[in-house]
Amino acid sequence: MSGGHRVSARPVRRWLRSIRPERRNLRADVIAGLPGAISSVPNGMASAALIGVNPIHGLYASFAAPVAGGLAMSSQLMMITTTTAAALAAGSALEGVDAADRPQALLLLTIIAGVVMIAAGIARLGRYTRFVSHSVMSGFLAGVSVNILLGQLPGLAGVTAAGEFPLAQAVDVILHPGRIDLASLLAGLAALGILLGLSRTRLSSVSALVALAVPTAGVAIAGSGQVALVEDAGQIPAGIPLPQLPDLSLLSLPLVTGALAVVAIVLVQGSGVAEAAPNRDGTASNPNQDFVAQGIGNLAAGFFRGQPVGGSVGQTALNQAVGARSRWGAIFSGLWMIVILAALSGVIGLVAMPTLAAVLIYASAGSLKPHELMMILRTGPTSQIAIITTFCATLFLPVSTAVGIGVALSLLLQLNQEAMDLKVVQLTPVDGGRWTEQPPPKTLPSHQATVLDVYGSLLYAGARTLGVKLPDPAGSDAPTVVLRVRGRTAVGATFVKVVAGYAAALDAVGGRLYLSGVGPELAELLRRTDLMDVSGPVAVFQATELVGESTEQALREADAWAVQHRRKSPDE
């Protein structure tokens, strides 16, 4: 019994060791958490407003999610908190819910999303994020960063801008310079100057704090009443909320499907955020663990009456910019938010909004990687289409729509690339059991075996491309073809149809098709589809441990067939 307890305790001890803060990083993480918490105040409120609920729900999520999610994530610098994408998806899901029931429905939706995210991580679905191409993800992240940067320009200039998306709002500010509040702009520019000036000094880790404090103090001393303060965005209630169970009577199909939409958007965006924020200690992030961490963050946010959360592009960039060294930068951000909610609502409310806009602009600009973007643009038309399309979609469309376009585009490009990359080569045996490669013939020689090998995917369009690239049997007499398919496990009905059609074309001119290197999975598929009939036009040679053995066996059979039919030819 005691041995069992010791075994079961080992994972807990390993987890406790992995999250234990290091003394050398503790000071930097504590300091880095404060600007993250301060910037979460207006961001959390704005995200809640997008959903159509009280801004307090965004603040509650901003303390619960970074702490709970930060303790579980493998991408140590990723900040799990409110995001525009998650807020937009949640708002769409709650459109049909009465205003009085919306807070409780939001709580339930957030918890459902958290449960699904945890299940996705346990089921190891993180590997499917590989189907979202690097070009698409880079375009999406660049677009989100630009949106954040442009979206903060009105706050920097102290104006309320018109426009349905950040680019339009930024253009509105530029086209109407007369509305710019000079005091607000000076405060914001002063904050930017401090951030830039301290970025390469020993004070870089506290540059964001200085950028918030000094211009805010200047505004207070000058007595400029035109400069917006954090408290102008909404009353910040004091106190910490108590956990609350969801009202299951509000459960509905639209709520569940809305939660699934939140999950899809959050997990795709979170994967990109993790990729853009590598761990400082060089360890690789685990997408499945990050799925679970974001799910835990949503569960914590939901039970504390918060809203859906995920990996935040802007907050993660800010976390990096202010010098966070480990997961505790994000965790301390949540802990600082508790302090703000409990005791410092009056102090934080006096922070000048233009200084927050300056910090977010600086962080967003820092998250852009021009050299990497240019490298992607130089890799070819496919990458260019992917990154430009996703970037433009993120700028001009809702974030949720842009994510959907990015995922769909990734899958289409993957399928197209697999089909385009398919290559058929002819193998010719040489002394010593070796083979040479050469382009395949356009037509098959009569009474002769031709050995072919295939590079590329044989799924869907790839199988159809194979059918186009195989040599034409028409006009030949009794040709035989050995098609090597060693290692092929991912084939389907399209491949079976192509093979059956090619075998029929060979049979029509007295020839035969031989499949070599056939593995157990493919053999079972051919057996189920009646293509393994040895008396028919397709002969199957299953793979052995010795590479090339089944192909040599098939070639001997094919040569024998050609000799037999040559002897039976009337011209002999």
Protein backbone atom coordinates (compact mmCIF):
# COMPACT_ATOMS: atom_id res chain seq x y z
CA MET A 1 0.00 0.00 0.00
CA SER A 2 2.76 2.44 0.95
CA GLY A 3 4.67 1.57 -2.23
CA GLY A 4 1.59 2.48 -4.27
CA HIS A 5 1.41 5.81 -2.52
CA ARG A 6 5.06 6.47 -3.32
CA VAL A 7 4.51 5.67 -7.03
CA SER A 8 1.43 7.84 -7.30
CA ALA A 9 3.22 10.73 -5.61
CA ARG A 10 6.11 10.81 -8.09
CA PRO A 11 4.29 12.76 -10.86
CA VAL A 12 3.18 15.31 -8.27
CA ARG A 13 6.75 15.74 -7.01
CA ARG A 14 8.03 16.10 -10.58
CA TRP A 15 5.40 18.72 -11.30
CA LEU A 16 6.22 20.62 -8.11
CA ARG A 17 9.91 20.62 -9.03
CA SER A 18 9.14 21.85 -12.56
CA ILE A 19 7.11 24.86 -11.37
CA ARG A 20 9.37 25.81 -8.46
CA PRO A 21 10.57 29.40 -9.04
CA GLU A 22 14.31 29.93 -9.35
CA ARG A 23 15.79 32.54 -7.08
CA ARG A 24 17.82 34.13 -9.89
CA ASN A 25 14.64 34.80 -11.90
CA LEU A 26 12.26 35.66 -9.09
CA ARG A 27 12.90 39.41 -8.93
CA ALA A 28 12.56 39.85 -12.71
CA ASP A 29 9.33 37.80 -12.77
CA VAL A 30 7.78 39.72 -9.89
CA ILE A 31 8.53 43.03 -11.60
CA ALA A 32 7.40 41.75 -15.02
CA GLY A 33 4.06 40.66 -13.60
CA LEU A 34 2.99 44.14 -12.55
CA PRO A 35 2.80 45.81 -15.99
CA GLY A 36 1.02 42.70 -17.25
CA ALA A 37 -1.57 43.04 -14.49
CA ILE A 38 -1.98 46.77 -15.06
CA SER A 39 -2.43 46.37 -18.80
CA SER A 40 -4.92 43.57 -18.16
CA VAL A 41 -7.28 46.05 -16.54
CA PRO A 42 -8.32 47.93 -19.70
CA ASN A 43 -7.78 44.86 -21.89
CA GLY A 44 -9.97 42.70 -19.70
CA MET A 45 -12.67 45.34 -19.58
CA ALA A 46 -12.60 45.81 -23.34
CA SER A 47 -12.80 42.07 -23.96
CA ALA A 48 -15.81 41.79 -21.68
CA ALA A 49 -17.48 44.67 -23.52
CA LEU A 50 -17.07 42.74 -26.78
CA ILE A 51 -19.10 39.92 -25.27
CA GLY A 52 -21.76 42.28 -23.96
CA VAL A 53 -21.27 41.67 -20.24
CA ASN A 54 -20.04 43.71 -17.28
CA PRO A 55 -16.31 44.54 -17.54
CA ILE A 56 -15.76 42.88 -14.19
CA HIS A 57 -15.86 39.46 -15.90
CA GLY A 58 -12.75 40.36 -17.88
CA LEU A 59 -10.93 41.39 -14.70
CA TYR A 60 -11.88 38.18 -12.93
CA ALA A 61 -10.53 36.13 -15.85
CA SER A 62 -7.33 38.21 -15.79
CA PHE A 63 -6.39 37.02 -12.32
CA ALA A 64 -7.66 33.42 -12.36
CA ALA A 65 -6.38 32.27 -15.77
CA PRO A 66 -2.73 33.43 -15.61
CA VAL A 67 -2.28 31.78 -12.22
CA ALA A 68 -4.01 28.46 -12.93
CA GLY A 69 -2.86 28.17 -16.54
CA GLY A 70 0.65 29.37 -15.75
CA LEU A 71 1.18 26.51 -13.32
CA ALA A 72 0.47 23.94 -16.03
CA MET A 73 1.80 25.33 -19.32
CA SER A 74 4.97 24.17 -21.07
CA SER A 75 5.41 27.45 -23.00
CA GLN A 76 6.66 29.31 -19.99
CA LEU A 77 6.38 32.86 -21.31
CA MET A 78 2.90 32.48 -22.80
CA MET A 79 0.28 34.55 -21.02
CA ILE A 80 -3.09 32.85 -20.72
CA THR A 81 -5.62 35.64 -20.35
CA THR A 82 -8.43 37.42 -22.17
CA THR A 83 -8.07 37.71 -25.95
CA THR A 84 -10.01 39.55 -28.61
CA ALA A 85 -10.51 36.35 -30.61
CA ALA A 86 -11.96 34.43 -27.66
CA ALA A 87 -14.15 37.38 -26.73
CA LEU A 88 -15.55 37.71 -30.24
CA ALA A 89 -16.32 33.99 -30.43
CA ALA A 90 -17.98 34.06 -27.00
CA GLY A 91 -20.02 37.12 -27.95
CA SER A 92 -21.30 35.37 -31.07
CA ALA A 93 -22.28 32.31 -29.02
CA LEU A 94 -24.25 34.42 -26.51
CA GLU A 95 -26.09 36.65 -29.00
CA GLY A 96 -29.38 34.81 -28.49
CA VAL A 97 -29.16 34.74 -24.68
CA ASP A 98 -31.17 37.23 -22.61
CA ALA A 99 -29.09 39.97 -21.06
CA ALA A 100 -30.13 38.89 -17.57
CA ASP A 101 -28.92 35.32 -18.16
CA ARG A 102 -25.80 36.20 -20.10
CA PRO A 103 -23.37 36.34 -17.14
CA GLN A 104 -24.39 32.85 -16.00
CA ALA A 105 -24.35 31.56 -19.58
CA LEU A 106 -20.87 33.01 -20.01
CA LEU A 107 -19.71 31.16 -16.91
CA LEU A 108 -21.08 27.88 -18.29
CA LEU A 109 -19.64 28.47 -21.77
CA THR A 110 -16.18 29.17 -20.32
CA ILE A 111 -16.22 25.99 -18.24
CA ILE A 112 -17.38 23.86 -21.20
CA ALA A 113 -14.59 25.31 -23.32
CA GLY A 114 -12.09 24.51 -20.56
CA VAL A 115 -13.24 20.89 -20.30
CA VAL A 116 -12.98 20.41 -24.08
CA MET A 117 -9.48 21.94 -24.16
CA ILE A 118 -8.30 19.60 -21.41
CA ALA A 119 -9.81 16.64 -23.26
CA ALA A 120 -8.05 17.73 -26.47
CA GLY A 121 -4.73 17.83 -24.65
CA ILE A 122 -5.24 14.43 -23.02
CA ALA A 123 -6.22 12.99 -26.43
CA ARG A 124 -2.93 14.42 -27.81
CA LEU A 125 -4.65 16.45 -30.50
CA GLY A 126 -1.82 18.96 -30.39
CA ARG A 127 -0.16 17.16 -33.29
CA TYR A 128 -2.90 18.42 -35.58
CA THR A 129 -1.63 21.97 -35.17
CA ARG A 130 1.14 20.84 -37.55
CA PHE A 131 -1.41 21.15 -40.34
CA VAL A 132 -1.49 24.91 -39.78
CA SER A 133 1.51 25.96 -41.83
CA HIS A 134 4.27 28.19 -40.49
CA SER A 135 3.49 30.75 -43.22
CA VAL A 136 -0.19 30.91 -42.25
CA MET A 137 0.59 31.14 -38.54
CA SER A 138 3.23 33.84 -39.12
CA GLY A 139 0.76 35.84 -41.22
CA PHE A 140 -1.90 35.52 -38.53
CA LEU A 141 0.41 36.54 -35.69
CA ALA A 142 1.81 39.44 -37.69
CA GLY A 143 -1.73 40.58 -38.46
CA VAL A 144 -2.79 40.36 -34.81
CA SER A 145 0.32 42.29 -33.74
CA VAL A 146 -0.38 45.03 -36.30
CA ASN A 147 -4.03 45.12 -35.18
CA ILE A 148 -2.96 45.63 -31.57
CA LEU A 149 -0.48 48.33 -32.58
CA LEU A 150 -3.01 50.19 -34.75
CA GLY A 151 -5.78 49.69 -32.23
CA GLN A 152 -3.76 51.52 -29.56
CA LEU A 153 -3.16 54.65 -31.67
CA PRO A 154 -6.46 56.28 -30.65
CA GLY A 155 -5.60 55.70 -26.98
CA LEU A 156 -2.12 57.12 -27.54
CA ALA A 157 -3.59 60.22 -29.17
CA GLY A 158 -6.43 60.59 -26.68
CA VAL A 159 -9.22 60.39 -29.24
CA THR A 160 -12.22 58.19 -29.94
CA ALA A 161 -11.76 56.90 -33.47
CA ALA A 162 -14.42 55.68 -35.89
CA GLY A 163 -14.03 52.41 -37.75
CA GLU A 164 -15.01 48.77 -37.57
CA PHE A 165 -11.45 47.46 -37.33
CA PRO A 166 -8.12 48.81 -36.02
CA LEU A 167 -6.73 49.84 -39.42
CA ALA A 168 -9.78 51.99 -40.10
CA GLN A 169 -9.51 53.54 -36.63
CA ALA A 170 -5.85 54.34 -37.14
CA VAL A 171 -6.60 55.95 -40.51
CA ASP A 172 -9.37 57.99 -38.88
CA VAL A 173 -6.88 59.33 -36.31
CA ILE A 174 -4.35 60.24 -39.01
CA LEU A 175 -6.94 61.95 -41.22
CA HIS A 176 -8.26 64.08 -38.36
CA PRO A 177 -5.18 65.42 -36.57
CA GLY A 178 -7.16 68.33 -35.14
CA ARG A 179 -8.92 65.98 -32.71
CA ILE A 180 -5.66 64.74 -31.17
CA ASP A 181 -5.29 65.70 -27.52
CA LEU A 182 -1.79 67.13 -27.18
CA ALA A 183 -1.40 66.25 -23.49
CA SER A 184 -2.39 62.62 -24.12
CA LEU A 185 -0.05 62.34 -27.10
CA LEU A 186 2.85 63.81 -25.14
CA ALA A 187 2.25 61.37 -22.27
CA GLY A 188 2.15 58.44 -24.67
CA LEU A 189 5.23 59.56 -26.59
CA ALA A 190 7.09 60.09 -23.33
CA ALA A 191 6.28 56.51 -22.34
CA LEU A 192 7.51 55.24 -25.71
CA GLY A 193 10.69 57.26 -25.36
CA ILE A 194 11.34 55.77 -21.93
CA LEU A 195 10.77 52.24 -23.22
CA LEU A 196 13.15 52.77 -26.12
CA GLY A 197 15.74 54.57 -24.04
CA LEU A 198 15.86 51.92 -21.32
CA SER A 199 15.57 48.89 -23.62
CA ARG A 200 19.35 48.34 -23.82
CA THR A 201 20.23 49.34 -20.28
CA ARG A 202 20.30 47.56 -16.94
CA LEU A 203 16.91 49.10 -16.23
CA SER A 204 15.22 47.31 -19.14
CA SER A 205 13.43 44.92 -16.77
CA VAL A 206 11.65 47.86 -15.09
CA SER A 207 11.31 50.05 -18.19
CA ALA A 208 7.57 49.40 -18.47
CA LEU A 209 7.01 50.42 -14.84
CA VAL A 210 8.98 53.61 -15.37
CA ALA A 211 7.10 54.26 -18.62
CA LEU A 212 3.80 53.99 -16.76
CA ALA A 213 4.78 55.90 -13.64
CA VAL A 214 6.76 58.91 -14.89
CA PRO A 215 4.31 60.23 -17.55
CA THR A 216 1.37 59.49 -15.25
CA ALA A 217 3.01 61.54 -12.52
CA GLY A 218 3.61 64.31 -15.05
CA VAL A 219 -0.06 64.29 -16.01
CA ALA A 220 -1.09 64.47 -12.35
CA ILE A 221 1.30 67.35 -11.62
CA ALA A 222 0.25 69.29 -14.74
CA GLY A 223 -3.38 68.76 -13.86
CA SER A 224 -4.44 67.90 -17.38
CA GLY A 225 -8.04 66.79 -17.11
CA GLN A 226 -8.26 65.79 -20.78
CA VAL A 227 -5.98 62.77 -20.44
CA ALA A 228 -7.98 59.56 -20.02
CA LEU A 229 -7.21 57.44 -16.99
CA VAL A 230 -7.74 53.73 -16.42
CA GLU A 231 -10.66 54.44 -14.11
CA ASP A 232 -12.45 56.17 -16.99
CA ALA A 233 -12.84 52.78 -18.72
CA GLY A 234 -15.08 51.55 -15.91
CA GLN A 235 -15.30 51.27 -12.16
CA ILE A 236 -12.80 48.79 -10.76
CA PRO A 237 -14.53 46.99 -7.89
CA ALA A 238 -12.46 46.11 -4.85
CA GLY A 239 -12.41 42.58 -3.49
CA ILE A 240 -11.82 39.07 -4.75
CA PRO A 241 -14.75 37.03 -6.13
CA LEU A 242 -15.69 33.71 -4.59
CA PRO A 243 -15.94 30.57 -6.79
CA GLN A 244 -19.37 29.88 -8.21
CA LEU A 245 -20.93 26.80 -9.82
CA PRO A 246 -22.57 27.16 -13.24
CA ASP A 247 -26.32 27.12 -13.81
CA LEU A 248 -26.79 23.91 -15.82
CA SER A 249 -30.37 24.90 -16.73
CA LEU A 250 -28.84 27.29 -19.31
CA LEU A 251 -27.14 24.44 -21.17
CA SER A 252 -28.15 24.39 -24.85
CA LEU A 253 -26.87 23.21 -28.20
CA PRO A 254 -25.96 26.74 -29.38
CA LEU A 255 -24.00 27.25 -26.15
CA VAL A 256 -22.08 24.00 -26.68
CA THR A 257 -21.33 24.74 -30.34
CA GLY A 258 -20.27 28.25 -29.34
CA ALA A 259 -17.89 26.78 -26.77
CA LEU A 260 -16.42 24.49 -29.46
CA ALA A 261 -15.83 27.54 -31.68
CA VAL A 262 -14.02 29.24 -28.80
CA VAL A 263 -11.89 26.10 -28.35
CA ALA A 264 -10.87 25.98 -32.01
CA ILE A 265 -9.89 29.64 -32.11
CA VAL A 266 -8.07 29.62 -28.77
CA LEU A 267 -6.06 26.47 -29.48
CA VAL A 268 -4.94 27.57 -32.94
CA GLN A 269 -4.02 31.02 -31.69
CA GLY A 270 -2.32 29.57 -28.61
CA SER A 271 -0.16 27.32 -30.78
CA GLY A 272 1.04 30.34 -32.70
CA VAL A 273 1.70 32.31 -29.52
CA ALA A 274 3.74 29.42 -28.10
CA GLU A 275 5.76 29.27 -31.31
CA ALA A 276 6.48 33.00 -31.12
CA ALA A 277 7.55 32.83 -27.46
CA PRO A 278 10.18 30.08 -27.09
CA ASN A 279 11.33 29.11 -23.62
CA ARG A 280 14.42 30.97 -22.45
CA ASP A 281 15.99 27.78 -21.08
CA GLY A 282 15.87 26.12 -24.50
CA THR A 283 13.32 23.45 -23.59
CA ALA A 284 10.72 22.61 -26.24
CA SER A 285 7.08 23.39 -25.61
CA ASN A 286 4.48 20.62 -25.66
CA PRO A 287 1.28 21.58 -27.52
CA ASN A 288 -0.75 18.93 -25.69
CA GLN A 289 0.36 20.27 -22.32
CA ASP A 290 -0.43 23.81 -23.48
CA PHE A 291 -3.91 22.63 -24.52
CA VAL A 292 -4.43 21.32 -20.99
CA ALA A 293 -3.01 24.51 -19.46
CA GLN A 294 -5.39 26.71 -21.45
CA GLY A 295 -8.24 24.42 -20.43
CA ILE A 296 -7.27 24.74 -16.77
CA GLY A 297 -7.11 28.51 -17.24
CA ASN A 298 -10.64 28.51 -18.64
CA LEU A 299 -11.94 26.33 -15.81
CA ALA A 300 -10.45 28.69 -13.24
CA ALA A 301 -11.79 31.74 -15.10
CA GLY A 302 -15.25 30.17 -15.37
CA PHE A 303 -15.55 29.20 -11.72
CA PHE A 304 -14.46 32.71 -10.70
CA ARG A 305 -17.10 34.25 -13.03
CA GLY A 306 -14.63 35.17 -15.75
CA GLN A 307 -14.76 34.83 -19.52
CA PRO A 308 -12.97 32.54 -22.04
CA VAL A 309 -9.20 32.92 -22.17
CA GLY A 310 -6.29 31.70 -24.26
CA GLY A 311 -2.73 32.45 -25.25
CA SER A 312 -2.64 36.21 -25.79
CA VAL A 313 -0.40 37.68 -28.49
CA GLY A 314 -0.21 41.14 -26.95
CA GLN A 315 0.11 40.10 -23.31
CA THR A 316 2.71 37.46 -24.17
CA ALA A 317 4.72 40.04 -26.12
CA LEU A 318 4.42 42.39 -23.15
CA ASN A 319 5.51 39.62 -20.79
CA GLN A 320 8.64 39.13 -22.90
CA ALA A 321 9.28 42.86 -23.34
CA VAL A 322 9.25 43.63 -19.61
CA GLY A 323 11.79 40.90 -18.86
CA ALA A 324 9.85 37.85 -17.62
CA ARG A 325 12.23 34.92 -17.22
CA SER A 326 9.90 32.00 -16.52
CA ARG A 327 6.28 30.92 -16.06
CA TRP A 328 6.20 32.99 -12.89
CA GLY A 329 6.06 36.21 -14.88
CA ALA A 330 2.55 35.24 -16.00
CA ILE A 331 1.62 33.83 -12.60
CA PHE A 332 2.69 37.00 -10.82
CA SER A 333 0.62 38.97 -13.30
CA GLY A 334 -2.44 37.13 -12.01
CA LEU A 335 -1.34 37.54 -8.40
CA TRP A 336 -0.79 41.27 -8.91
CA MET A 337 -4.31 41.44 -10.35
CA ILE A 338 -5.62 39.96 -7.09
CA VAL A 339 -3.84 42.75 -5.22
CA ILE A 340 -5.36 45.30 -7.58
CA LEU A 341 -8.85 43.90 -7.10
CA ALA A 342 -8.40 43.68 -3.34
CA ALA A 343 -6.74 46.93 -2.42
CA LEU A 344 -5.33 49.11 -5.17
CA SER A 345 -8.28 49.89 -7.39
CA GLY A 346 -7.97 53.60 -6.61
CA VAL A 347 -4.24 53.73 -7.42
CA ILE A 348 -4.40 51.77 -10.65
CA GLY A 349 -7.33 53.82 -11.74
CA LEU A 350 -5.08 56.91 -11.92
CA VAL A 351 -2.70 55.43 -14.51
CA ALA A 352 -2.82 57.46 -17.74
CA MET A 353 -4.31 55.43 -20.58
CA PRO A 354 -1.88 56.79 -23.21
CA THR A 355 1.01 55.23 -21.25
CA LEU A 356 -0.69 51.83 -21.37
CA ALA A 357 -1.25 52.28 -25.09
CA ALA A 358 2.45 53.08 -25.47
CA VAL A 359 3.50 49.91 -23.61
CA LEU A 360 1.19 47.77 -25.78
CA ILE A 361 2.43 49.46 -28.97
CA TYR A 362 6.02 48.80 -27.95
CA ALA A 363 5.26 45.16 -27.11
CA SER A 364 3.35 44.58 -30.35
CA ALA A 365 6.10 46.14 -32.45
CA GLY A 366 8.62 43.94 -30.68
CA SER A 367 6.64 40.81 -31.53
CA LEU A 368 6.93 41.54 -35.26
CA LYS A 369 9.85 39.75 -36.88
CA PRO A 370 10.63 41.43 -40.22
CA HIS A 371 13.57 39.16 -41.06
CA GLU A 372 11.49 36.03 -40.55
CA LEU A 373 8.60 37.46 -42.57
CA MET A 374 10.95 38.35 -45.44
CA MET A 375 12.43 34.86 -45.34
CA ILE A 376 8.96 33.38 -45.73
CA LEU A 377 8.18 35.71 -48.62
CA ARG A 378 11.37 34.57 -50.38
CA THR A 379 10.56 30.85 -50.14
CA GLY A 380 8.15 30.75 -53.08
CA PRO A 381 4.59 31.42 -54.30
CA THR A 382 2.90 28.98 -51.92
CA SER A 383 4.36 30.65 -48.84
CA GLN A 384 3.66 34.10 -50.28
CA ILE A 385 0.00 33.29 -50.87
CA ALA A 386 -0.34 31.82 -47.37
CA ILE A 387 1.23 34.65 -45.41
CA ILE A 388 -0.27 37.53 -47.42
CA THR A 389 -3.79 36.05 -47.44
CA THR A 390 -3.80 35.34 -43.71
CA PHE A 391 -2.26 38.71 -42.86
CA CYS A 392 -4.86 40.61 -44.90
CA ALA A 393 -7.71 38.50 -43.53
CA THR A 394 -6.59 39.31 -39.99
CA LEU A 395 -6.46 43.03 -40.77
CA PHE A 396 -9.82 43.36 -42.52
CA LEU A 397 -11.98 40.56 -41.09
CA PRO A 398 -13.02 39.47 -37.61
CA VAL A 399 -10.32 37.51 -35.86
CA SER A 400 -12.48 34.39 -35.67
CA THR A 401 -13.03 34.51 -39.44
CA ALA A 402 -9.32 35.04 -40.05
CA VAL A 403 -8.47 31.98 -37.94
CA GLY A 404 -10.97 29.90 -39.92
CA ILE A 405 -9.51 31.11 -43.20
CA GLY A 406 -6.02 30.34 -41.97
CA VAL A 407 -6.88 26.79 -40.96
CA ALA A 408 -8.74 26.11 -44.21
CA LEU A 409 -5.92 27.64 -46.25
CA SER A 410 -3.35 25.51 -44.45
CA LEU A 411 -5.25 22.32 -45.25
CA LEU A 412 -5.75 23.31 -48.90
CA LEU A 413 -2.07 24.19 -49.30
CA GLN A 414 -1.08 20.93 -47.64
CA LEU A 415 -3.22 18.87 -50.01
CA ASN A 416 -2.09 20.88 -53.03
CA GLN A 417 1.57 20.57 -52.07
CA GLU A 418 1.26 16.82 -51.54
CA ALA A 419 -0.31 16.44 -54.97
CA MET A 420 2.24 18.70 -56.67
CA ASP A 421 5.20 17.03 -54.94
CA LEU A 422 4.28 13.55 -56.16
CA LYS A 423 6.99 12.12 -58.41
CA VAL A 424 7.18 8.83 -60.32
CA VAL A 425 10.61 7.37 -61.19
CA GLN A 426 11.73 4.24 -63.03
CA LEU A 427 14.04 1.86 -61.18
CA THR A 428 16.60 -0.18 -63.12
CA PRO A 429 18.55 -3.00 -61.36
CA VAL A 430 22.35 -2.94 -61.49
CA ASP A 431 25.01 -5.28 -60.13
CA GLY A 432 25.12 -5.87 -56.39
CA GLY A 433 21.38 -5.65 -55.82
CA ARG A 434 21.32 -1.89 -56.29
CA TRP A 435 18.99 0.26 -58.40
CA THR A 436 19.33 3.41 -60.46
CA GLU A 437 16.65 6.06 -60.86
CA GLN A 438 15.60 7.72 -64.09
CA PRO A 439 12.52 9.42 -65.50
CA PRO A 440 9.72 7.00 -66.35
CA PRO A 441 8.83 6.29 -70.00
CA LYS A 442 5.81 8.05 -71.42
CA THR A 443 4.58 4.76 -72.91
CA LEU A 444 5.30 1.22 -71.79
CA PRO A 445 7.58 -1.09 -73.83
CA SER A 446 5.97 -4.31 -75.07
CA HIS A 447 6.88 -7.69 -73.55
CA GLN A 448 9.01 -6.01 -70.91
CA ALA A 449 8.78 -5.28 -67.19
CA THR A 450 8.99 -1.68 -65.97
CA VAL A 451 9.69 -1.00 -62.28
CA LEU A 452 8.30 2.27 -60.90
CA ASP A 453 8.66 3.97 -57.52
CA VAL A 454 6.64 6.88 -56.14
CA TYR A 455 7.63 9.85 -53.99
CA GLY A 456 4.91 11.88 -52.29
CA SER A 457 1.51 11.37 -50.72
CA LEU A 458 -0.97 8.92 -52.26
CA LEU A 459 -3.99 10.40 -50.51
CA TYR A 460 -6.80 12.12 -52.41
CA ALA A 461 -5.31 14.44 -55.03
CA GLY A 462 -1.95 12.68 -54.75
CA ALA A 463 -3.52 9.42 -55.93
CA ARG A 464 -5.13 11.17 -58.89
CA THR A 465 -1.80 12.77 -59.75
CA LEU A 466 -0.25 9.29 -59.69
CA GLY A 467 -2.83 8.14 -62.23
CA VAL A 468 -1.81 10.99 -64.54
CA LYS A 469 1.94 10.37 -64.22
CA LEU A 470 1.93 6.59 -64.76
CA PRO A 471 3.17 5.52 -68.22
CA ASP A 472 0.39 4.97 -70.76
CA PRO A 473 -0.20 1.25 -71.64
CA ALA A 474 -2.02 2.13 -74.89
CA GLY A 475 -0.26 0.81 -77.97
CA SER A 476 1.89 -1.67 -76.04
CA ASP A 477 1.64 -5.45 -76.17
CA ALA A 478 1.65 -7.40 -72.90
CA PRO A 479 3.58 -4.81 -70.83
CA THR A 480 4.11 -5.45 -67.13
CA VAL A 481 4.54 -2.83 -64.41
CA VAL A 482 5.97 -3.28 -60.92
CA LEU A 483 4.78 -0.41 -58.73
CA ARG A 484 6.73 -0.13 -55.47
CA VAL A 485 4.58 1.08 -52.55
CA ARG A 486 6.74 0.20 -49.55
CA GLY A 487 5.85 2.10 -46.39
CA ARG A 488 2.47 3.27 -47.70
CA THR A 489 -0.13 3.21 -44.94
CA ALA A 490 -2.10 6.39 -45.69
CA VAL A 491 -4.06 5.42 -48.78
CA GLY A 492 -7.77 5.37 -49.44
CA ALA A 493 -10.53 4.77 -51.93
CA THR A 494 -9.03 7.13 -54.52
CA PHE A 495 -5.78 5.15 -54.59
CA VAL A 496 -7.68 1.88 -54.90
CA LYS A 497 -9.69 3.29 -57.80
CA VAL A 498 -6.54 4.54 -59.57
CA VAL A 499 -4.79 1.17 -59.13
CA ALA A 500 -7.83 -0.74 -60.32
CA GLY A 501 -8.18 1.52 -63.37
CA TYR A 502 -4.50 1.22 -64.30
CA ALA A 503 -4.60 -2.55 -63.83
CA ALA A 504 -7.62 -2.70 -66.13
CA ALA A 505 -5.78 -0.64 -68.76
CA LEU A 506 -2.83 -3.04 -68.60
CA ASP A 507 -5.11 -6.05 -68.78
CA ALA A 508 -6.77 -4.62 -71.90
CA VAL A 509 -3.42 -4.87 -73.76
CA GLY A 510 -2.47 -8.23 -72.25
CA GLY A 511 -0.35 -6.80 -69.45
CA ARG A 512 -0.37 -7.02 -65.67
CA LEU A 513 0.25 -4.82 -62.64
CA TYR A 514 2.44 -5.92 -59.71
CA LEU A 515 2.42 -4.11 -56.36
CA SER A 516 5.59 -4.65 -54.31
CA GLY A 517 6.51 -3.68 -50.76
CA VAL A 518 2.87 -3.89 -49.67
CA GLY A 519 2.52 -3.49 -45.90
CA PRO A 520 -0.11 -5.15 -43.68
CA GLU A 521 -2.48 -2.15 -43.66
CA LEU A 522 -2.43 -1.74 -47.43
CA ALA A 523 -2.70 -5.51 -47.93
CA GLU A 524 -5.83 -5.58 -45.78
CA LEU A 525 -7.31 -2.67 -47.75
CA LEU A 526 -6.62 -4.42 -51.05
CA ARG A 527 -8.07 -7.62 -49.67
CA ARG A 528 -11.28 -5.87 -48.61
CA THR A 529 -11.62 -4.29 -52.05
CA ASP A 530 -10.99 -7.56 -53.93
CA LEU A 531 -7.75 -6.31 -55.50
CA MET A 532 -5.65 -9.10 -54.02
CA ASP A 533 -7.05 -11.79 -56.29
CA VAL A 534 -3.85 -13.44 -57.54
CA SER A 535 -5.61 -14.63 -60.67
CA GLY A 536 -6.67 -11.08 -61.59
CA PRO A 537 -4.81 -8.21 -63.23
CA VAL A 538 -3.10 -7.15 -59.95
CA ALA A 539 -0.45 -9.26 -58.18
CA VAL A 540 0.56 -8.29 -54.65
CA PHE A 541 3.95 -8.91 -53.04
CA GLN A 542 4.02 -8.06 -49.37
CA ALA A 543 7.00 -6.28 -47.84
CA THR A 544 9.68 -8.23 -46.00
CA GLU A 545 12.34 -7.09 -43.53
CA LEU A 546 14.88 -6.95 -46.37
CA VAL A 547 14.32 -3.72 -48.32
CA GLY A 548 13.90 -4.39 -52.03
CA GLU A 549 13.30 -8.12 -51.68
CA SER A 550 9.63 -8.03 -52.60
CA THR A 551 10.38 -5.74 -55.56
CA GLU A 552 12.96 -8.22 -56.89
CA GLN A 553 10.43 -11.03 -56.49
CA ALA A 554 7.80 -9.01 -58.33
CA LEU A 555 10.29 -8.18 -61.10
CA ARG A 556 11.08 -11.88 -61.62
CA GLU A 557 7.37 -12.66 -61.86
CA ALA A 558 6.83 -9.76 -64.26
CA ASP A 559 9.73 -10.86 -66.46
CA ALA A 560 8.37 -14.39 -66.48
CA TRP A 561 4.95 -13.10 -67.54
CA ALA A 562 6.55 -11.09 -70.35
CA VAL A 563 8.53 -14.13 -71.55
CA GLN A 564 5.46 -16.36 -71.51
CA HIS A 565 3.43 -13.90 -73.54
CA ARG A 566 6.31 -13.29 -75.91
CA ARG A 567 6.40 -17.00 -76.67
CA LYS A 568 2.67 -17.03 -77.28
CA SER A 569 2.90 -14.11 -79.71
CA PRO A 570 1.84 -15.04 -83.30
CA ASP A 571 4.94 -13.30 -84.67
CA GLU A 572 7.33 -15.69 -82.87
